[in-house]
PDB file of all heavy atoms in Angstrom:
ATOM      1  N   GLY A   1      84.772 122.666  92.432  1.00  0.00           N
ATOM      2  CA  GLY A   1      85.049 123.719  91.465  1.00  0.00           C
ATOM      3  C   GLY A   1      86.291 123.382  90.671  1.00  0.00           C
ATOM      4  O   GLY A   1      86.489 122.246  90.245  1.00  0.00           O
ATOM      5  N   ASN A   2      87.154 124.378  90.473  1.00  0.00           N
ATOM      6  CA  ASN A   2      88.412 124.144  89.768  1.00  0.00           C
ATOM      7  C   ASN A   2      89.611 124.286  90.696  1.00  0.00           C
ATOM      8  O   ASN A   2      90.733 124.525  90.246  1.00  0.00           O
ATOM      9  CB  ASN A   2      88.550 125.117  88.590  1.00  0.00           C
ATOM     10  CG  ASN A   2      88.494 126.572  89.032  1.00  0.00           C
ATOM     11  OD1 ASN A   2      88.436 126.857  90.220  1.00  0.00           O
ATOM     12  ND2 ASN A   2      88.498 127.482  88.076  1.00  0.00           N
ATOM     13  N   TRP A   3      89.379 124.087  92.027  1.00  0.00           N
ATOM     14  CA  TRP A   3      90.474 124.290  92.972  1.00  0.00           C
ATOM     15  C   TRP A   3      90.844 123.040  93.770  1.00  0.00           C
ATOM     16  O   TRP A   3      91.916 122.989  94.372  1.00  0.00           O
ATOM     17  CB  TRP A   3      90.152 125.410  93.947  1.00  0.00           C
ATOM     18  CG  TRP A   3      88.906 125.185  94.763  1.00  0.00           C
ATOM     19  CD1 TRP A   3      87.651 125.632  94.472  1.00  0.00           C
ATOM     20  CD2 TRP A   3      88.804 124.464  96.000  1.00  0.00           C
ATOM     21  NE1 TRP A   3      86.770 125.223  95.436  1.00  0.00           N
ATOM     22  CE2 TRP A   3      87.437 124.513  96.385  1.00  0.00           C
ATOM     23  CE3 TRP A   3      89.709 123.783  96.811  1.00  0.00           C
ATOM     24  CZ2 TRP A   3      86.965 123.901  97.553  1.00  0.00           C
ATOM     25  CZ3 TRP A   3      89.242 123.173  97.971  1.00  0.00           C
ATOM     26  CH2 TRP A   3      87.893 123.237  98.334  1.00  0.00           C
ATOM     27  N   GLY A   4      89.995 122.000  93.799  1.00  0.00           N
ATOM     28  CA  GLY A   4      90.329 120.865  94.640  1.00  0.00           C
ATOM     29  C   GLY A   4      89.600 119.602  94.243  1.00  0.00           C
ATOM     30  O   GLY A   4      88.634 119.624  93.466  1.00  0.00           O
ATOM     31  N   THR A   5      90.066 118.471  94.795  1.00  0.00           N
ATOM     32  CA  THR A   5      89.436 117.182  94.529  1.00  0.00           C
ATOM     33  C   THR A   5      89.608 116.276  95.734  1.00  0.00           C
ATOM     34  O   THR A   5      90.572 116.405  96.504  1.00  0.00           O
ATOM     35  CB  THR A   5      90.028 116.517  93.267  1.00  0.00           C
ATOM     36  OG1 THR A   5      89.241 115.389  92.912  1.00  0.00           O
ATOM     37  CG2 THR A   5      91.456 116.047  93.507  1.00  0.00           C
ATOM     38  N   LEU A   6      88.656 115.348  95.914  1.00  0.00           N
ATOM     39  CA  LEU A   6      88.700 114.326  96.949  1.00  0.00           C
ATOM     40  C   LEU A   6      88.372 113.000  96.280  1.00  0.00           C
ATOM     41  O   LEU A   6      87.353 112.885  95.595  1.00  0.00           O
ATOM     42  CB  LEU A   6      87.692 114.633  98.056  1.00  0.00           C
ATOM     43  CG  LEU A   6      87.527 113.570  99.156  1.00  0.00           C
ATOM     44  CD1 LEU A   6      88.811 113.441  99.970  1.00  0.00           C
ATOM     45  CD2 LEU A   6      86.347 113.911 100.065  1.00  0.00           C
ATOM     46  N   ARG A   7      89.248 111.992  96.450  1.00  0.00           N
ATOM     47  CA  ARG A   7      89.004 110.697  95.817  1.00  0.00           C
ATOM     48  C   ARG A   7      89.305 109.555  96.783  1.00  0.00           C
ATOM     49  O   ARG A   7      90.160 109.659  97.655  1.00  0.00           O
ATOM     50  CB  ARG A   7      89.830 110.537  94.538  1.00  0.00           C
ATOM     51  CG  ARG A   7      91.320 110.599  94.702  1.00  0.00           C
ATOM     52  CD  ARG A   7      92.081 110.048  93.475  1.00  0.00           C
ATOM     53  NE  ARG A   7      91.765 110.737  92.237  1.00  0.00           N
ATOM     54  CZ  ARG A   7      92.293 110.408  91.054  1.00  0.00           C
ATOM     55  NH1 ARG A   7      93.184 109.403  90.980  1.00  0.00           N
ATOM     56  NH2 ARG A   7      91.963 111.056  89.957  1.00  0.00           N
ATOM     57  N   PHE A   8      88.552 108.461  96.589  1.00  0.00           N
ATOM     58  CA  PHE A   8      88.730 107.246  97.368  1.00  0.00           C
ATOM     59  C   PHE A   8      88.895 106.091  96.385  1.00  0.00           C
ATOM     60  O   PHE A   8      88.264 106.060  95.329  1.00  0.00           O
ATOM     61  CB  PHE A   8      87.521 106.982  98.266  1.00  0.00           C
ATOM     62  CG  PHE A   8      87.246 108.074  99.255  1.00  0.00           C
ATOM     63  CD1 PHE A   8      86.354 109.091  98.953  1.00  0.00           C
ATOM     64  CD2 PHE A   8      87.886 108.099 100.487  1.00  0.00           C
ATOM     65  CE1 PHE A   8      86.094 110.110  99.858  1.00  0.00           C
ATOM     66  CE2 PHE A   8      87.636 109.108 101.399  1.00  0.00           C
ATOM     67  CZ  PHE A   8      86.740 110.114 101.087  1.00  0.00           C
ATOM     68  N   GLY A   9      89.754 105.118  96.750  1.00  0.00           N
ATOM     69  CA  GLY A   9      89.987 104.014  95.845  1.00  0.00           C
ATOM     70  C   GLY A   9      90.457 102.764  96.552  1.00  0.00           C
ATOM     71  O   GLY A   9      90.707 102.752  97.769  1.00  0.00           O
ATOM     72  N   ALA A  10      90.558 101.719  95.757  1.00  0.00           N
ATOM     73  CA  ALA A  10      91.120 100.453  96.212  1.00  0.00           C
ATOM     74  C   ALA A  10      92.296 100.112  95.318  1.00  0.00           C
ATOM     75  O   ALA A  10      92.215 100.259  94.090  1.00  0.00           O
ATOM     76  CB  ALA A  10      90.069  99.347  96.163  1.00  0.00           C
ATOM     77  N   LEU A  11      93.401  99.656  95.941  1.00  0.00           N
ATOM     78  CA  LEU A  11      94.644  99.425  95.208  1.00  0.00           C
ATOM     79  C   LEU A  11      95.122  97.997  95.445  1.00  0.00           C
ATOM     80  O   LEU A  11      95.112  97.507  96.575  1.00  0.00           O
ATOM     81  CB  LEU A  11      95.704 100.431  95.655  1.00  0.00           C
ATOM     82  CG  LEU A  11      97.072 100.390  94.971  1.00  0.00           C
ATOM     83  CD1 LEU A  11      97.632 101.806  94.880  1.00  0.00           C
ATOM     84  CD2 LEU A  11      98.050  99.514  95.760  1.00  0.00           C
ATOM     85  N   ARG A  12      95.528  97.344  94.366  1.00  0.00           N
ATOM     86  CA  ARG A  12      96.112  95.999  94.463  1.00  0.00           C
ATOM     87  C   ARG A  12      97.510  96.058  93.858  1.00  0.00           C
ATOM     88  O   ARG A  12      97.713  96.585  92.758  1.00  0.00           O
ATOM     89  CB  ARG A  12      95.247  95.005  93.697  1.00  0.00           C
ATOM     90  CG  ARG A  12      95.662  93.537  93.860  1.00  0.00           C
ATOM     91  CD  ARG A  12      95.395  93.034  95.260  1.00  0.00           C
ATOM     92  NE  ARG A  12      95.865  91.672  95.449  1.00  0.00           N
ATOM     93  CZ  ARG A  12      95.168  90.592  95.120  1.00  0.00           C
ATOM     94  NH1 ARG A  12      93.971  90.729  94.565  1.00  0.00           N
ATOM     95  NH2 ARG A  12      95.659  89.391  95.356  1.00  0.00           N
ATOM     96  N   SER A  13      98.491  95.507  94.589  1.00  0.00           N
ATOM     97  CA  SER A  13      99.884  95.590  94.168  1.00  0.00           C
ATOM     98  C   SER A  13     100.542  94.230  94.301  1.00  0.00           C
ATOM     99  O   SER A  13     100.381  93.538  95.321  1.00  0.00           O
ATOM    100  CB  SER A  13     100.628  96.625  95.025  1.00  0.00           C
ATOM    101  OG  SER A  13     101.994  96.670  94.714  1.00  0.00           O
ATOM    102  N   LYS A  14     101.292  93.828  93.269  1.00  0.00           N
ATOM    103  CA  LYS A  14     102.018  92.564  93.282  1.00  0.00           C
ATOM    104  C   LYS A  14     103.413  92.785  92.717  1.00  0.00           C
ATOM    105  O   LYS A  14     103.618  93.706  91.907  1.00  0.00           O
ATOM    106  CB  LYS A  14     101.291  91.498  92.465  1.00  0.00           C
ATOM    107  CG  LYS A  14      99.900  91.160  92.949  1.00  0.00           C
ATOM    108  CD  LYS A  14      99.261  90.067  92.110  1.00  0.00           C
ATOM    109  CE  LYS A  14      99.975  88.743  92.318  1.00  0.00           C
ATOM    110  NZ  LYS A  14      99.286  87.628  91.618  1.00  0.00           N
ATOM    111  N   GLY A  15     104.381  91.950  93.145  1.00  0.00           N
ATOM    112  CA  GLY A  15     105.717  92.077  92.600  1.00  0.00           C
ATOM    113  C   GLY A  15     106.732  91.310  93.411  1.00  0.00           C
ATOM    114  O   GLY A  15     106.397  90.405  94.184  1.00  0.00           O
ATOM    115  N   ASN A  16     108.002  91.701  93.232  1.00  0.00           N
ATOM    116  CA  ASN A  16     109.114  91.047  93.905  1.00  0.00           C
ATOM    117  C   ASN A  16     110.111  92.075  94.408  1.00  0.00           C
ATOM    118  O   ASN A  16     110.319  93.120  93.775  1.00  0.00           O
ATOM    119  CB  ASN A  16     109.840  90.083  92.959  1.00  0.00           C
ATOM    120  CG  ASN A  16     108.995  88.893  92.575  1.00  0.00           C
ATOM    121  OD1 ASN A  16     108.878  87.927  93.313  1.00  0.00           O
ATOM    122  ND2 ASN A  16     108.394  88.965  91.390  1.00  0.00           N
ATOM    123  N   VAL A  17     110.738  91.757  95.547  1.00  0.00           N
ATOM    124  CA  VAL A  17     111.842  92.545  96.078  1.00  0.00           C
ATOM    125  C   VAL A  17     113.102  91.700  95.937  1.00  0.00           C
ATOM    126  O   VAL A  17     113.232  90.641  96.569  1.00  0.00           O
ATOM    127  CB  VAL A  17     111.609  92.913  97.552  1.00  0.00           C
ATOM    128  CG1 VAL A  17     112.794  93.723  98.079  1.00  0.00           C
ATOM    129  CG2 VAL A  17     110.310  93.690  97.714  1.00  0.00           C
ATOM    130  N   ASP A  18     114.029  92.133  95.084  1.00  0.00           N
ATOM    131  CA  ASP A  18     115.253  91.389  94.810  1.00  0.00           C
ATOM    132  C   ASP A  18     116.447  92.069  95.457  1.00  0.00           C
ATOM    133  O   ASP A  18     116.563  93.304  95.454  1.00  0.00           O
ATOM    134  CB  ASP A  18     115.499  91.293  93.296  1.00  0.00           C
ATOM    135  CG  ASP A  18     114.393  90.534  92.584  1.00  0.00           C
ATOM    136  OD1 ASP A  18     114.002  89.476  93.095  1.00  0.00           O
ATOM    137  OD2 ASP A  18     113.922  91.016  91.528  1.00  0.00           O
ATOM    138  N   VAL A  19     117.324  91.275  96.009  1.00  0.00           N
ATOM    139  CA  VAL A  19     118.563  91.799  96.595  1.00  0.00           C
ATOM    140  C   VAL A  19     119.457  92.319  95.475  1.00  0.00           C
ATOM    141  O   VAL A  19     119.663  91.649  94.472  1.00  0.00           O
ATOM    142  CB  VAL A  19     119.292  90.708  97.394  1.00  0.00           C
ATOM    143  CG1 VAL A  19     120.674  91.205  97.818  1.00  0.00           C
ATOM    144  CG2 VAL A  19     118.472  90.301  98.596  1.00  0.00           C
ATOM    145  N   ARG A  20     120.000  93.515  95.660  1.00  0.00           N
ATOM    146  CA  ARG A  20     120.887  94.094  94.651  1.00  0.00           C
ATOM    147  C   ARG A  20     122.294  94.294  95.206  1.00  0.00           C
ATOM    148  O   ARG A  20     123.272  93.886  94.604  1.00  0.00           O
ATOM    149  CB  ARG A  20     120.322  95.417  94.135  1.00  0.00           C
ATOM    150  CG  ARG A  20     121.041  95.971  92.927  1.00  0.00           C
ATOM    151  CD  ARG A  20     120.241  97.097  92.283  1.00  0.00           C
ATOM    152  NE  ARG A  20     120.867  97.524  91.044  1.00  0.00           N
ATOM    153  CZ  ARG A  20     121.713  98.550  90.952  1.00  0.00           C
ATOM    154  NH1 ARG A  20     122.015  99.254  92.030  1.00  0.00           N
ATOM    155  NH2 ARG A  20     122.239  98.870  89.790  1.00  0.00           N
ATOM    156  N   ILE A  21     122.401  94.942  96.358  1.00  0.00           N
ATOM    157  CA  ILE A  21     123.704  95.229  96.967  1.00  0.00           C
ATOM    158  C   ILE A  21     123.574  95.087  98.478  1.00  0.00           C
ATOM    159  O   ILE A  21     122.584  95.518  99.070  1.00  0.00           O
ATOM    160  CB  ILE A  21     124.182  96.669  96.630  1.00  0.00           C
ATOM    161  CG1 ILE A  21     124.320  96.864  95.122  1.00  0.00           C
ATOM    162  CG2 ILE A  21     125.511  96.984  97.320  1.00  0.00           C
ATOM    163  CD1 ILE A  21     124.614  98.299  94.729  1.00  0.00           C
ATOM    164  N   GLY A  22     124.567  94.476  99.108  1.00  0.00           N
ATOM    165  CA  GLY A  22     124.674  94.543 100.556  1.00  0.00           C
ATOM    166  C   GLY A  22     124.182  93.357 101.336  1.00  0.00           C
ATOM    167  O   GLY A  22     124.400  93.289 102.546  1.00  0.00           O
ATOM    168  N   PHE A  23     123.484  92.398 100.710  1.00  0.00           N
ATOM    169  CA  PHE A  23     123.032  91.221 101.430  1.00  0.00           C
ATOM    170  C   PHE A  23     123.902  90.027 101.039  1.00  0.00           C
ATOM    171  O   PHE A  23     124.380  89.929  99.904  1.00  0.00           O
ATOM    172  CB  PHE A  23     121.565  90.920 101.103  1.00  0.00           C
ATOM    173  CG  PHE A  23     120.615  91.920 101.691  1.00  0.00           C
ATOM    174  CD1 PHE A  23     120.101  92.955 100.914  1.00  0.00           C
ATOM    175  CD2 PHE A  23     120.242  91.843 103.026  1.00  0.00           C
ATOM    176  CE1 PHE A  23     119.225  93.883 101.447  1.00  0.00           C
ATOM    177  CE2 PHE A  23     119.360  92.771 103.568  1.00  0.00           C
ATOM    178  CZ  PHE A  23     118.847  93.794 102.786  1.00  0.00           C
ATOM    179  N   PRO A  24     124.086  89.065 101.962  1.00  0.00           N
ATOM    180  CA  PRO A  24     124.989  87.939 101.671  1.00  0.00           C
ATOM    181  C   PRO A  24     124.445  86.970 100.635  1.00  0.00           C
ATOM    182  O   PRO A  24     125.209  86.243 100.017  1.00  0.00           O
ATOM    183  CB  PRO A  24     125.148  87.261 103.040  1.00  0.00           C
ATOM    184  CG  PRO A  24     123.918  87.658 103.800  1.00  0.00           C
ATOM    185  CD  PRO A  24     123.589  89.041 103.350  1.00  0.00           C
ATOM    186  N   THR A  25     123.136  86.915 100.458  1.00  0.00           N
ATOM    187  CA  THR A  25     122.550  85.975  99.497  1.00  0.00           C
ATOM    188  C   THR A  25     121.666  86.721  98.523  1.00  0.00           C
ATOM    189  O   THR A  25     121.141  87.798  98.829  1.00  0.00           O
ATOM    190  CB  THR A  25     121.724  84.899 100.215  1.00  0.00           C
ATOM    191  OG1 THR A  25     120.665  85.540 100.946  1.00  0.00           O
ATOM    192  CG2 THR A  25     122.591  84.089 101.154  1.00  0.00           C
ATOM    193  N   ASP A  26     121.519  86.143  97.342  1.00  0.00           N
ATOM    194  CA  ASP A  26     120.620  86.718  96.344  1.00  0.00           C
ATOM    195  C   ASP A  26     119.209  86.206  96.601  1.00  0.00           C
ATOM    196  O   ASP A  26     118.865  85.079  96.242  1.00  0.00           O
ATOM    197  CB  ASP A  26     121.072  86.329  94.930  1.00  0.00           C
ATOM    198  CG  ASP A  26     122.404  86.953  94.574  1.00  0.00           C
ATOM    199  OD1 ASP A  26     122.708  88.012  95.148  1.00  0.00           O
ATOM    200  OD2 ASP A  26     123.126  86.369  93.744  1.00  0.00           O
ATOM    201  N   GLU A  27     118.415  87.030  97.254  1.00  0.00           N
ATOM    202  CA  GLU A  27     117.060  86.634  97.589  1.00  0.00           C
ATOM    203  C   GLU A  27     116.068  87.370  96.707  1.00  0.00           C
ATOM    204  O   GLU A  27     116.316  88.485  96.260  1.00  0.00           O
ATOM    205  CB  GLU A  27     116.763  86.932  99.054  1.00  0.00           C
ATOM    206  CG  GLU A  27     117.585  86.122 100.034  1.00  0.00           C
ATOM    207  CD  GLU A  27     117.151  86.390 101.462  1.00  0.00           C
ATOM    208  OE1 GLU A  27     116.052  86.949 101.640  1.00  0.00           O
ATOM    209  OE2 GLU A  27     117.907  86.049 102.382  1.00  0.00           O
ATOM    210  N   SER A  28     114.918  86.734  96.511  1.00  0.00           N
ATOM    211  CA  SER A  28     113.811  87.356  95.810  1.00  0.00           C
ATOM    212  C   SER A  28     112.549  87.087  96.609  1.00  0.00           C
ATOM    213  O   SER A  28     112.137  85.927  96.756  1.00  0.00           O
ATOM    214  CB  SER A  28     113.680  86.811  94.392  1.00  0.00           C
ATOM    215  OG  SER A  28     112.603  87.450  93.718  1.00  0.00           O
ATOM    216  N   THR A  29     111.974  88.140  97.160  1.00  0.00           N
ATOM    217  CA  THR A  29     110.803  88.001  98.027  1.00  0.00           C
ATOM    218  C   THR A  29     109.568  88.526  97.318  1.00  0.00           C
ATOM    219  O   THR A  29     109.513  89.718  96.977  1.00  0.00           O
ATOM    220  CB  THR A  29     111.011  88.778  99.337  1.00  0.00           C
ATOM    221  OG1 THR A  29     112.215  88.329  99.961  1.00  0.00           O
ATOM    222  CG2 THR A  29     109.834  88.574 100.272  1.00  0.00           C
ATOM    223  N   PRO A  30     108.572  87.673  97.074  1.00  0.00           N
ATOM    224  CA  PRO A  30     107.349  88.147  96.426  1.00  0.00           C
ATOM    225  C   PRO A  30     106.460  88.892  97.416  1.00  0.00           C
ATOM    226  O   PRO A  30     106.539  88.684  98.635  1.00  0.00           O
ATOM    227  CB  PRO A  30     106.681  86.859  95.951  1.00  0.00           C
ATOM    228  CG  PRO A  30     107.150  85.835  96.919  1.00  0.00           C
ATOM    229  CD  PRO A  30     108.549  86.219  97.309  1.00  0.00           C
ATOM    230  N   PHE A  31     105.629  89.779  96.921  1.00  0.00           N
ATOM    231  CA  PHE A  31     104.652  90.459  97.765  1.00  0.00           C
ATOM    232  C   PHE A  31     103.333  90.584  97.016  1.00  0.00           C
ATOM    233  O   PHE A  31     103.278  90.575  95.785  1.00  0.00           O
ATOM    234  CB  PHE A  31     105.153  91.835  98.212  1.00  0.00           C
ATOM    235  CG  PHE A  31     105.406  92.800  97.087  1.00  0.00           C
ATOM    236  CD1 PHE A  31     104.392  93.609  96.581  1.00  0.00           C
ATOM    237  CD2 PHE A  31     106.677  92.920  96.532  1.00  0.00           C
ATOM    238  CE1 PHE A  31     104.636  94.504  95.541  1.00  0.00           C
ATOM    239  CE2 PHE A  31     106.929  93.807  95.498  1.00  0.00           C
ATOM    240  CZ  PHE A  31     105.909  94.599  94.999  1.00  0.00           C
ATOM    241  N   ASP A  32     102.271  90.713  97.778  1.00  0.00           N
ATOM    242  CA  ASP A  32     100.913  90.814  97.229  1.00  0.00           C
ATOM    243  C   ASP A  32     100.101  91.626  98.217  1.00  0.00           C
ATOM    244  O   ASP A  32      99.740  91.139  99.285  1.00  0.00           O
ATOM    245  CB  ASP A  32     100.324  89.409  97.034  1.00  0.00           C
ATOM    246  CG  ASP A  32      98.951  89.454  96.349  1.00  0.00           C
ATOM    247  OD1 ASP A  32      98.397  90.561  96.223  1.00  0.00           O
ATOM    248  OD2 ASP A  32      98.461  88.383  95.962  1.00  0.00           O
ATOM    249  N   ASP A  33      99.850  92.888  97.903  1.00  0.00           N
ATOM    250  CA  ASP A  33      99.223  93.801  98.852  1.00  0.00           C
ATOM    251  C   ASP A  33      97.903  94.340  98.326  1.00  0.00           C
ATOM    252  O   ASP A  33      97.729  94.559  97.118  1.00  0.00           O
ATOM    253  CB  ASP A  33     100.152  94.992  99.155  1.00  0.00           C
ATOM    254  CG  ASP A  33     101.396  94.570  99.898  1.00  0.00           C
ATOM    255  OD1 ASP A  33     101.316  93.589 100.649  1.00  0.00           O
ATOM    256  OD2 ASP A  33     102.436  95.218  99.717  1.00  0.00           O
ATOM    257  N   THR A  34      96.984  94.579  99.255  1.00  0.00           N
ATOM    258  CA  THR A  34      95.712  95.224  98.966  1.00  0.00           C
ATOM    259  C   THR A  34      95.541  96.383  99.934  1.00  0.00           C
ATOM    260  O   THR A  34      95.855  96.251 101.122  1.00  0.00           O
ATOM    261  CB  THR A  34      94.535  94.245  99.111  1.00  0.00           C
ATOM    262  OG1 THR A  34      94.726  93.156  98.205  1.00  0.00           O
ATOM    263  CG2 THR A  34      93.214  94.934  98.786  1.00  0.00           C
ATOM    264  N   ALA A  35      95.062  97.540  99.448  1.00  0.00           N
ATOM    265  CA  ALA A  35      94.915  98.710 100.318  1.00  0.00           C
ATOM    266  C   ALA A  35      93.761  99.579  99.840  1.00  0.00           C
ATOM    267  O   ALA A  35      93.406  99.590  98.662  1.00  0.00           O
ATOM    268  CB  ALA A  35      96.210  99.524 100.339  1.00  0.00           C
ATOM    269  N   PHE A  36      93.177 100.290 100.802  1.00  0.00           N
ATOM    270  CA  PHE A  36      92.229 101.345 100.494  1.00  0.00           C
ATOM    271  C   PHE A  36      92.974 102.678 100.540  1.00  0.00           C
ATOM    272  O   PHE A  36      93.863 102.868 101.374  1.00  0.00           O
ATOM    273  CB  PHE A  36      91.073 101.351 101.486  1.00  0.00           C
ATOM    274  CG  PHE A  36      90.212 100.123 101.408  1.00  0.00           C
ATOM    275  CD1 PHE A  36      89.955  99.372 102.535  1.00  0.00           C
ATOM    276  CD2 PHE A  36      89.667  99.728 100.201  1.00  0.00           C
ATOM    277  CE1 PHE A  36      89.172  98.234 102.467  1.00  0.00           C
ATOM    278  CE2 PHE A  36      88.878  98.596 100.109  1.00  0.00           C
ATOM    279  CZ  PHE A  36      88.626  97.842 101.256  1.00  0.00           C
TER     280      PHE A  36
END
């Protein structure tokens, strides 16, 4: 109706995690994730 919804999907995610503050070295860690 106009009160609710249910959805299913597949998600793909890519990117990098870069050190900004607090770690001794400047690291860049790539990631590549898939999820339902």
